Amino acid sequence: MLDSRKLTLLKALIKEYLKTAQPVSSGMLAKTSRIGVSSATIRNEMAELEEAGYIVQPHTSSGRIPTESAYELWLADLRDNPPRLKSSEEAQLDQLFSKDEETYRALAKQMAELSNNAVFWAFSKNNVYHTGLANLFSHPEFKQLEAVYDISVIIDQLEEIIAQIFERLDYREHVLIGSKNPFGSFLSTVLVKYRDQNTIGVFGLIGPLRMDYDRNLALVSYLKNKFNC
């Protein structure tokens, strides 16, 4: 377990990295974390966080980025304090919500825009709709041609991957990060499985590891509540 200061610093580092997509330095944290300690103290704390496996130094940068373990710790806190959409956003989605496949597609497009991620909606094991790929490609992590190719391969295999996990999922929100993510170790997925009368479906958001987990959990929780599962 991390002490309160390390946890505060780690959360501040994650927030800064989510916002900028750039490695975060001790100097930057000293400006943004507001915990009233020096850059030298923060450097020492960051060294311990790195030794514990929560942050890592990419390439030769002087800054650090969160690891999967850091995001897992972040999620544990979110589960204790579940995020919610703004009431105006819920009202916007409510206007689109209707239990038919055509409307689901329109709703998926809107949720892709709200999340700035890609969306898939499996209306059954082998009937999968996806949208929002341009959102994925807009993230700095996926600017290189190799990353575009990797994402394209995942999309081509989307139905197959969903079929493999469909029966194993229970009816709650799931967050699949990096190495635990069947859609790709360089991605994270937030999804929910639901039951609507005689139909079982899966809705998911796919984005980089550096995704806005608060917002995406709020979006899938919205759907979970709409289907009362």
Protein backbone atom coordinates (compact mmCIF):
# COMPACT_ATOMS: atom_id res chain seq x y z
CA MET A 1 0.00 0.00 0.00
CA LEU A 2 1.16 3.53 -0.76
CA ASP A 3 1.20 6.23 1.88
CA SER A 4 -1.06 9.23 1.32
CA ARG A 5 1.64 11.48 -0.14
CA LYS A 6 2.81 8.92 -2.69
CA LEU A 7 -0.80 8.18 -3.63
CA THR A 8 -1.53 11.89 -4.06
CA LEU A 9 1.57 12.32 -6.24
CA LEU A 10 0.73 9.28 -8.32
CA LYS A 11 -2.82 10.53 -8.93
CA ALA A 12 -1.45 13.95 -9.88
CA LEU A 13 1.02 12.35 -12.28
CA ILE A 14 -1.72 10.25 -13.91
CA LYS A 15 -4.00 13.27 -14.32
CA GLU A 16 -1.19 15.30 -15.89
CA TYR A 17 -0.26 12.46 -18.24
CA LEU A 18 -3.87 11.90 -19.27
CA LYS A 19 -4.07 15.58 -20.15
CA THR A 20 -0.77 16.07 -21.97
CA ALA A 21 0.37 12.60 -23.17
CA GLN A 22 3.87 13.73 -22.17
CA PRO A 23 6.15 12.24 -19.48
CA VAL A 24 5.69 14.12 -16.21
CA SER A 25 8.67 15.58 -14.37
CA SER A 26 9.10 16.28 -10.66
CA GLY A 27 9.16 19.99 -11.47
CA MET A 28 5.81 19.74 -13.21
CA LEU A 29 4.33 17.86 -10.25
CA ALA A 30 5.68 20.48 -7.87
CA LYS A 31 3.66 23.06 -9.82
CA THR A 32 0.46 21.04 -10.24
CA SER A 33 0.09 18.68 -7.25
CA ARG A 34 -0.32 21.38 -4.57
CA ILE A 35 0.97 19.19 -1.77
CA GLY A 36 3.50 21.77 -0.63
CA VAL A 37 6.75 19.84 -0.94
CA SER A 38 9.89 20.59 -2.91
CA SER A 39 10.91 19.16 -6.27
CA ALA A 40 13.70 17.28 -4.50
CA THR A 41 11.20 15.56 -2.18
CA ILE A 42 8.99 14.74 -5.15
CA ARG A 43 11.99 13.28 -7.00
CA ASN A 44 12.66 10.99 -4.03
CA GLU A 45 9.01 9.93 -3.89
CA MET A 46 8.98 9.32 -7.65
CA ALA A 47 12.08 7.16 -7.34
CA GLU A 48 10.25 5.01 -4.80
CA LEU A 49 7.14 4.88 -7.00
CA GLU A 50 9.32 3.75 -9.89
CA GLU A 51 10.99 1.08 -7.75
CA ALA A 52 7.51 -0.13 -6.72
CA GLY A 53 6.50 -0.45 -10.38
CA TYR A 54 3.92 2.35 -10.58
CA ILE A 55 5.79 4.67 -12.94
CA VAL A 56 8.47 4.24 -15.57
CA GLN A 57 10.88 6.43 -17.49
CA PRO A 58 10.30 6.15 -21.24
CA HIS A 59 13.39 6.40 -23.43
CA THR A 60 15.74 9.13 -22.19
CA SER A 61 13.04 11.52 -21.03
CA SER A 62 13.47 13.15 -17.64
CA GLY A 63 9.79 12.57 -16.89
CA ARG A 64 7.81 9.48 -15.91
CA ILE A 65 4.61 7.86 -17.15
CA PRO A 66 2.15 5.57 -15.31
CA THR A 67 2.35 1.79 -15.65
CA GLU A 68 -0.54 -0.67 -15.77
CA SER A 69 -0.19 -1.07 -12.01
CA ALA A 70 -0.74 2.67 -11.57
CA TYR A 71 -3.93 2.57 -13.63
CA GLU A 72 -5.14 -0.45 -11.65
CA LEU A 73 -4.63 1.51 -8.43
CA TRP A 74 -6.47 4.46 -9.97
CA LEU A 75 -9.38 2.17 -10.85
CA ALA A 76 -9.58 0.75 -7.34
CA ASP A 77 -10.21 4.30 -6.13
CA LEU A 78 -12.82 4.88 -8.85
CA ARG A 79 -14.74 1.78 -7.76
CA ASP A 80 -15.02 3.29 -4.29
CA ASN A 81 -16.16 6.59 -5.81
CA PRO A 82 -18.09 5.68 -9.01
CA PRO A 83 -17.97 8.45 -11.62
CA ARG A 84 -21.15 9.89 -13.11
CA LEU A 85 -21.89 11.79 -16.29
CA LYS A 86 -23.08 15.37 -16.10
CA SER A 87 -26.86 15.62 -15.98
CA SER A 88 -26.78 17.50 -19.32
CA GLU A 89 -24.85 14.62 -20.93
CA GLU A 90 -27.28 12.04 -19.54
CA ALA A 91 -30.17 14.09 -20.93
CA GLN A 92 -28.41 14.24 -24.32
CA LEU A 93 -28.02 10.44 -24.38
CA ASP A 94 -31.56 9.90 -23.08
CA GLN A 95 -32.89 11.63 -26.17
CA LEU A 96 -31.20 8.98 -28.33
CA PHE A 97 -31.88 5.95 -26.17
CA SER A 98 -34.42 3.51 -27.52
CA LYS A 99 -34.23 -0.26 -27.50
CA ASP A 100 -33.70 -1.02 -31.16
CA GLU A 101 -30.53 -1.73 -33.12
CA GLU A 102 -30.76 1.30 -35.39
CA THR A 103 -30.97 3.66 -32.43
CA TYR A 104 -28.14 1.85 -30.67
CA ARG A 105 -25.90 2.71 -33.61
CA ALA A 106 -26.72 6.41 -33.29
CA LEU A 107 -26.13 6.20 -29.55
CA ALA A 108 -22.78 4.46 -30.12
CA LYS A 109 -21.65 7.30 -32.37
CA GLN A 110 -22.59 9.87 -29.74
CA MET A 111 -20.76 7.97 -27.01
CA ALA A 112 -17.69 7.67 -29.23
CA GLU A 113 -17.70 11.46 -29.51
CA LEU A 114 -18.17 11.95 -25.76
CA SER A 115 -15.33 9.56 -24.94
CA ASN A 116 -13.02 10.45 -27.84
CA ASN A 117 -12.44 6.70 -28.20
CA ALA A 118 -13.65 3.93 -30.48
CA VAL A 119 -16.87 2.11 -29.63
CA PHE A 120 -18.06 -1.39 -30.35
CA TRP A 121 -21.53 -2.73 -29.72
CA ALA A 122 -22.09 -6.47 -29.95
CA PHE A 123 -25.82 -6.97 -30.39
CA SER A 124 -25.07 -10.69 -30.23
CA LYS A 125 -21.96 -12.85 -30.39
CA ASN A 126 -21.60 -12.42 -34.15
CA ASN A 127 -23.31 -9.12 -34.85
CA VAL A 128 -20.86 -6.36 -33.99
CA TYR A 129 -21.05 -2.68 -34.87
CA HIS A 130 -18.10 -0.34 -34.38
CA THR A 131 -17.52 3.38 -34.81
CA GLY A 132 -15.10 6.12 -33.77
CA LEU A 133 -11.86 4.79 -35.26
CA ALA A 134 -10.88 8.33 -36.20
CA ASN A 135 -10.95 9.14 -32.48
CA LEU A 136 -8.37 6.44 -31.80
CA PHE A 137 -6.10 7.62 -34.58
CA SER A 138 -6.25 11.17 -33.21
CA HIS A 139 -4.40 10.15 -30.03
CA PRO A 140 -0.64 10.76 -30.12
CA GLU A 141 0.05 7.12 -29.21
CA PHE A 142 -1.34 6.03 -32.57
CA LYS A 143 0.23 8.52 -34.95
CA GLN A 144 2.82 6.08 -36.26
CA LEU A 145 1.99 3.83 -39.20
CA GLU A 146 2.80 0.69 -37.22
CA ALA A 147 0.22 1.59 -34.56
CA VAL A 148 -2.41 2.24 -37.24
CA TYR A 149 -1.71 -1.22 -38.65
CA ASP A 150 -1.98 -2.82 -35.18
CA ILE A 151 -5.34 -1.18 -34.55
CA SER A 152 -6.60 -2.22 -37.99
CA VAL A 153 -5.73 -5.84 -37.18
CA ILE A 154 -7.67 -5.61 -33.91
CA ILE A 155 -10.73 -4.20 -35.68
CA ASP A 156 -10.59 -6.97 -38.28
CA GLN A 157 -10.62 -9.52 -35.44
CA LEU A 158 -13.26 -7.74 -33.37
CA GLU A 159 -16.06 -10.28 -33.82
CA GLU A 160 -13.71 -13.18 -33.13
CA ILE A 161 -12.37 -11.60 -29.93
CA ILE A 162 -15.85 -10.75 -28.66
CA ALA A 163 -17.04 -14.29 -29.38
CA GLN A 164 -14.16 -15.62 -27.28
CA ILE A 165 -14.97 -13.51 -24.21
CA PHE A 166 -18.76 -13.23 -24.59
CA GLU A 167 -19.76 -16.09 -22.30
CA ARG A 168 -17.07 -15.37 -19.71
CA LEU A 169 -18.29 -11.85 -18.97
CA ASP A 170 -20.73 -11.21 -16.15
CA TYR A 171 -23.27 -8.39 -16.06
CA ARG A 172 -21.17 -5.54 -14.73
CA GLU A 173 -18.60 -3.00 -15.83
CA HIS A 174 -15.22 -4.43 -16.80
CA VAL A 175 -11.95 -2.57 -17.33
CA LEU A 176 -9.34 -4.49 -19.30
CA ILE A 177 -5.94 -2.79 -19.22
CA GLY A 178 -2.93 -3.56 -21.39
CA SER A 179 -1.72 -7.10 -20.83
CA LYS A 180 -5.16 -8.11 -19.49
CA ASN A 181 -6.90 -6.76 -22.60
CA PRO A 182 -7.78 -9.33 -25.32
CA PHE A 183 -8.21 -6.47 -27.79
CA GLY A 184 -4.50 -5.60 -27.60
CA SER A 185 -1.85 -5.05 -24.94
CA PHE A 186 -1.31 -1.47 -26.14
CA LEU A 187 -4.98 -0.63 -25.53
CA SER A 188 -7.49 -0.44 -22.70
CA THR A 189 -11.15 -1.40 -22.96
CA VAL A 190 -14.06 -0.42 -20.72
CA LEU A 191 -17.13 -2.54 -21.37
CA VAL A 192 -20.40 -3.79 -19.96
CA LYS A 193 -22.45 -6.88 -20.72
CA TYR A 194 -26.22 -6.42 -20.52
CA ARG A 195 -29.43 -8.37 -20.90
CA ASP A 196 -32.46 -6.84 -22.62
CA GLN A 197 -35.41 -9.25 -22.48
CA ASN A 198 -34.23 -12.18 -24.64
CA THR A 199 -31.19 -10.36 -26.03
CA ILE A 200 -27.70 -10.29 -24.55
CA GLY A 201 -25.21 -7.70 -25.77
CA VAL A 202 -21.86 -6.14 -24.96
CA PHE A 203 -20.98 -2.45 -25.26
CA GLY A 204 -17.37 -1.31 -25.07
CA LEU A 205 -15.04 1.65 -25.42
CA ILE A 206 -11.53 1.06 -26.80
CA GLY A 207 -8.74 3.56 -26.29
CA PRO A 208 -5.09 3.94 -25.37
CA LEU A 209 -3.78 2.97 -21.95
CA ARG A 210 -3.85 6.72 -21.35
CA MET A 211 -7.65 6.83 -21.56
CA ASP A 212 -10.00 8.84 -19.37
CA TYR A 213 -11.13 5.95 -17.16
CA ASP A 214 -13.43 8.17 -15.09
CA ARG A 215 -15.39 9.30 -18.11
CA ASN A 216 -15.49 5.92 -19.83
CA LEU A 217 -16.67 4.16 -16.68
CA ALA A 218 -19.38 6.79 -16.34
CA LEU A 219 -20.50 6.10 -19.93
CA VAL A 220 -20.72 2.32 -19.57
CA SER A 221 -22.38 2.72 -16.15
CA TYR A 222 -25.01 4.88 -17.83
CA LEU A 223 -25.84 2.03 -20.21
CA LYS A 224 -25.75 -0.55 -17.43
CA ASN A 225 -28.33 1.47 -15.52
CA LYS A 226 -30.51 1.92 -18.61
CA PHE A 227 -30.67 -1.85 -19.01
CA ASN A 228 -31.07 -2.38 -15.25
CA CYS A 229 -28.35 -5.02 -15.14
